[in-house]
Amino acid sequence: MMWLFIVFGCANQAPGPALVELSPDAPTTVDDLQATMVEEAFDPDGDPLTYRYTWYQGGELVSDFSEATIPSSETAKGETWMVEVTADDGKDEGFTVFGGTVTIQNTPPL
């Protein structure tokens, strides 16, 4: 009698969502915008994670920025900014999460 054994490898599982917040809550023209991890994403396979930051200004994708920070020099009074963050384990992307929306306020005079 001949036995046939088939070994099934476990497929990679995508990372879970992170919890992200955009700060400061009421930025002025001198404040950098910062996407801050409140809770890191979790990878069920234990793979190391990287994050992709997608920024929108006035509802339009800003392709020049892919890091967690937008320098204040790139913002102006009245602009609305939004960030989305996606965790990636090198094999699969996880859920994209909304990090928040802020509107740039006027900086008070000195």
C-alpha atoms as a PDB file:
ATOM      1  CA  MET A   1       0.000   0.000   0.000  1.00  0.00           C
ATOM      2  CA  MET A   2       1.291   3.431  -0.912  1.00  0.00           C
ATOM      3  CA  TRP A   3       0.534   6.546   1.151  1.00  0.00           C
ATOM      4  CA  LEU A   4       0.454  10.017  -0.253  1.00  0.00           C
ATOM      5  CA  PHE A   5       1.118  12.849   2.160  1.00  0.00           C
ATOM      6  CA  ILE A   6       0.362  16.389   1.211  1.00  0.00           C
ATOM      7  CA  VAL A   7       1.735  19.144   3.333  1.00  0.00           C
ATOM      8  CA  PHE A   8      -0.162  22.385   3.280  1.00  0.00           C
ATOM      9  CA  GLY A   9       1.773  25.507   4.158  1.00  0.00           C
ATOM     10  CA  CYS A  10       0.043  28.227   6.048  1.00  0.00           C
ATOM     11  CA  ALA A  11      -0.797  31.168   3.885  1.00  0.00           C
ATOM     12  CA  ASN A  12       0.320  34.572   5.062  1.00  0.00           C
ATOM     13  CA  GLN A  13      -2.284  36.530   6.989  1.00  0.00           C
ATOM     14  CA  ALA A  14      -2.582  40.261   6.472  1.00  0.00           C
ATOM     15  CA  PRO A  15      -1.914  42.565   9.418  1.00  0.00           C
ATOM     16  CA  GLY A  16      -4.792  43.899  11.458  1.00  0.00           C
ATOM     17  CA  PRO A  17      -5.556  47.625  11.564  1.00  0.00           C
ATOM     18  CA  ALA A  18      -3.582  50.177  13.534  1.00  0.00           C
ATOM     19  CA  LEU A  19      -5.191  52.913  15.597  1.00  0.00           C
ATOM     20  CA  VAL A  20      -3.938  56.297  14.387  1.00  0.00           C
ATOM     21  CA  GLU A  21      -4.668  59.883  15.313  1.00  0.00           C
ATOM     22  CA  LEU A  22      -3.764  63.097  13.550  1.00  0.00           C
ATOM     23  CA  SER A  23      -2.309  65.854  15.690  1.00  0.00           C
ATOM     24  CA  PRO A  24      -2.404  68.566  16.743  1.00  0.00           C
ATOM     25  CA  ASP A  25      -6.194  68.860  16.990  1.00  0.00           C
ATOM     26  CA  ALA A  26      -6.206  72.527  15.946  1.00  0.00           C
ATOM     27  CA  PRO A  27      -2.960  73.108  14.037  1.00  0.00           C
ATOM     28  CA  THR A  28      -1.790  76.553  13.025  1.00  0.00           C
ATOM     29  CA  THR A  29       0.492  77.505  10.164  1.00  0.00           C
ATOM     30  CA  VAL A  30       3.576  76.867  12.346  1.00  0.00           C
ATOM     31  CA  ASP A  31       2.604  73.319  13.437  1.00  0.00           C
ATOM     32  CA  ASP A  32       3.785  70.151  11.720  1.00  0.00           C
ATOM     33  CA  LEU A  33       1.003  67.608  11.130  1.00  0.00           C
ATOM     34  CA  GLN A  34       1.768  64.248  12.745  1.00  0.00           C
ATOM     35  CA  ALA A  35       0.074  60.871  12.240  1.00  0.00           C
ATOM     36  CA  THR A  36       0.676  59.147  15.583  1.00  0.00           C
ATOM     37  CA  MET A  37       0.250  55.444  16.296  1.00  0.00           C
ATOM     38  CA  VAL A  38      -2.084  55.135  19.270  1.00  0.00           C
ATOM     39  CA  GLU A  39      -1.968  51.368  18.843  1.00  0.00           C
ATOM     40  CA  GLU A  40       0.358  49.523  16.472  1.00  0.00           C
ATOM     41  CA  ALA A  41      -1.102  47.093  13.942  1.00  0.00           C
ATOM     42  CA  PHE A  42      -0.798  43.404  14.780  1.00  0.00           C
ATOM     43  CA  ASP A  43       0.513  40.769  12.399  1.00  0.00           C
ATOM     44  CA  PRO A  44      -0.865  37.262  13.114  1.00  0.00           C
ATOM     45  CA  ASP A  45       2.273  35.709  11.598  1.00  0.00           C
ATOM     46  CA  GLY A  46       4.669  37.848  13.626  1.00  0.00           C
ATOM     47  CA  ASP A  47       6.122  39.505  10.518  1.00  0.00           C
ATOM     48  CA  PRO A  48       7.728  42.939  10.941  1.00  0.00           C
ATOM     49  CA  LEU A  49       5.483  45.771   9.800  1.00  0.00           C
ATOM     50  CA  THR A  50       5.968  48.959   7.851  1.00  0.00           C
ATOM     51  CA  TYR A  51       3.371  51.678   7.430  1.00  0.00           C
ATOM     52  CA  ARG A  52       2.250  53.584   4.363  1.00  0.00           C
ATOM     53  CA  TYR A  53       0.902  57.079   5.002  1.00  0.00           C
ATOM     54  CA  THR A  54      -1.463  58.567   2.437  1.00  0.00           C
ATOM     55  CA  TRP A  55      -2.132  62.279   2.815  1.00  0.00           C
ATOM     56  CA  TYR A  56      -4.954  64.348   1.297  1.00  0.00           C
ATOM     57  CA  GLN A  57      -5.152  68.133   1.144  1.00  0.00           C
ATOM     58  CA  GLY A  58      -8.584  69.519   0.359  1.00  0.00           C
ATOM     59  CA  GLY A  59      -9.709  66.014  -0.641  1.00  0.00           C
ATOM     60  CA  GLU A  60      -6.910  65.642  -3.206  1.00  0.00           C
ATOM     61  CA  LEU A  61      -4.136  63.057  -2.894  1.00  0.00           C
ATOM     62  CA  VAL A  62      -0.755  64.609  -2.050  1.00  0.00           C
ATOM     63  CA  SER A  63       1.685  62.171  -3.631  1.00  0.00           C
ATOM     64  CA  ASP A  64       4.810  64.038  -2.477  1.00  0.00           C
ATOM     65  CA  PHE A  65       4.430  62.841   1.123  1.00  0.00           C
ATOM     66  CA  SER A  66       4.475  59.270   2.402  1.00  0.00           C
ATOM     67  CA  GLU A  67       5.885  59.712   5.915  1.00  0.00           C
ATOM     68  CA  ALA A  68       4.118  60.257   9.238  1.00  0.00           C
ATOM     69  CA  THR A  69       4.759  64.017   9.264  1.00  0.00           C
ATOM     70  CA  ILE A  70       3.762  66.931   7.052  1.00  0.00           C
ATOM     71  CA  PRO A  71       6.049  69.931   7.670  1.00  0.00           C
ATOM     72  CA  SER A  72       4.288  73.181   8.581  1.00  0.00           C
ATOM     73  CA  SER A  73       5.988  74.802   5.587  1.00  0.00           C
ATOM     74  CA  GLU A  74       3.691  72.719   3.352  1.00  0.00           C
ATOM     75  CA  THR A  75       0.432  73.885   4.956  1.00  0.00           C
ATOM     76  CA  ALA A  76      -1.553  77.117   4.767  1.00  0.00           C
ATOM     77  CA  LYS A  77      -4.392  78.712   6.722  1.00  0.00           C
ATOM     78  CA  GLY A  78      -7.795  77.263   5.819  1.00  0.00           C
ATOM     79  CA  GLU A  79      -6.494  74.020   4.272  1.00  0.00           C
ATOM     80  CA  THR A  80      -8.050  70.756   5.347  1.00  0.00           C
ATOM     81  CA  TRP A  81      -5.702  67.764   5.688  1.00  0.00           C
ATOM     82  CA  MET A  82      -6.524  64.087   6.136  1.00  0.00           C
ATOM     83  CA  VAL A  83      -4.347  60.994   6.593  1.00  0.00           C
ATOM     84  CA  GLU A  84      -4.893  57.275   6.003  1.00  0.00           C
ATOM     85  CA  VAL A  85      -2.468  54.603   7.216  1.00  0.00           C
ATOM     86  CA  THR A  86      -1.958  51.064   5.948  1.00  0.00           C
ATOM     87  CA  ALA A  87       0.161  48.379   7.645  1.00  0.00           C
ATOM     88  CA  ASP A  88       2.205  46.065   5.406  1.00  0.00           C
ATOM     89  CA  ASP A  89       4.009  42.868   6.449  1.00  0.00           C
ATOM     90  CA  GLY A  90       6.024  42.630   3.221  1.00  0.00           C
ATOM     91  CA  LYS A  91       3.623  40.093   1.745  1.00  0.00           C
ATOM     92  CA  ASP A  92       0.171  41.597   2.261  1.00  0.00           C
ATOM     93  CA  GLU A  93      -1.294  44.960   3.138  1.00  0.00           C
ATOM     94  CA  GLY A  94      -3.702  45.205   6.045  1.00  0.00           C
ATOM     95  CA  PHE A  95      -6.731  47.406   6.394  1.00  0.00           C
ATOM     96  CA  THR A  96      -6.372  51.089   5.602  1.00  0.00           C
ATOM     97  CA  VAL A  97      -7.445  53.172   8.584  1.00  0.00           C
ATOM     98  CA  PHE A  98      -8.583  56.768   8.721  1.00  0.00           C
ATOM     99  CA  GLY A  99      -6.332  58.832  11.003  1.00  0.00           C
ATOM    100  CA  GLY A 100      -8.379  61.990  11.132  1.00  0.00           C
ATOM    101  CA  THR A 101      -8.970  65.363   9.515  1.00  0.00           C
ATOM    102  CA  VAL A 102      -7.756  68.792  10.632  1.00  0.00           C
ATOM    103  CA  THR A 103      -8.133  72.319   9.299  1.00  0.00           C
ATOM    104  CA  ILE A 104      -5.155  74.653   9.500  1.00  0.00           C
ATOM    105  CA  GLN A 105      -5.933  77.674  11.708  1.00  0.00           C
ATOM    106  CA  ASN A 106      -4.440  81.157  11.546  1.00  0.00           C
ATOM    107  CA  THR A 107      -1.321  81.689  13.664  1.00  0.00           C
ATOM    108  CA  PRO A 108      -1.909  84.523  16.152  1.00  0.00           C
ATOM    109  CA  PRO A 109       0.319  87.581  15.685  1.00  0.00           C
ATOM    110  CA  LEU A 110       3.298  88.029  17.994  1.00  0.00           C
END
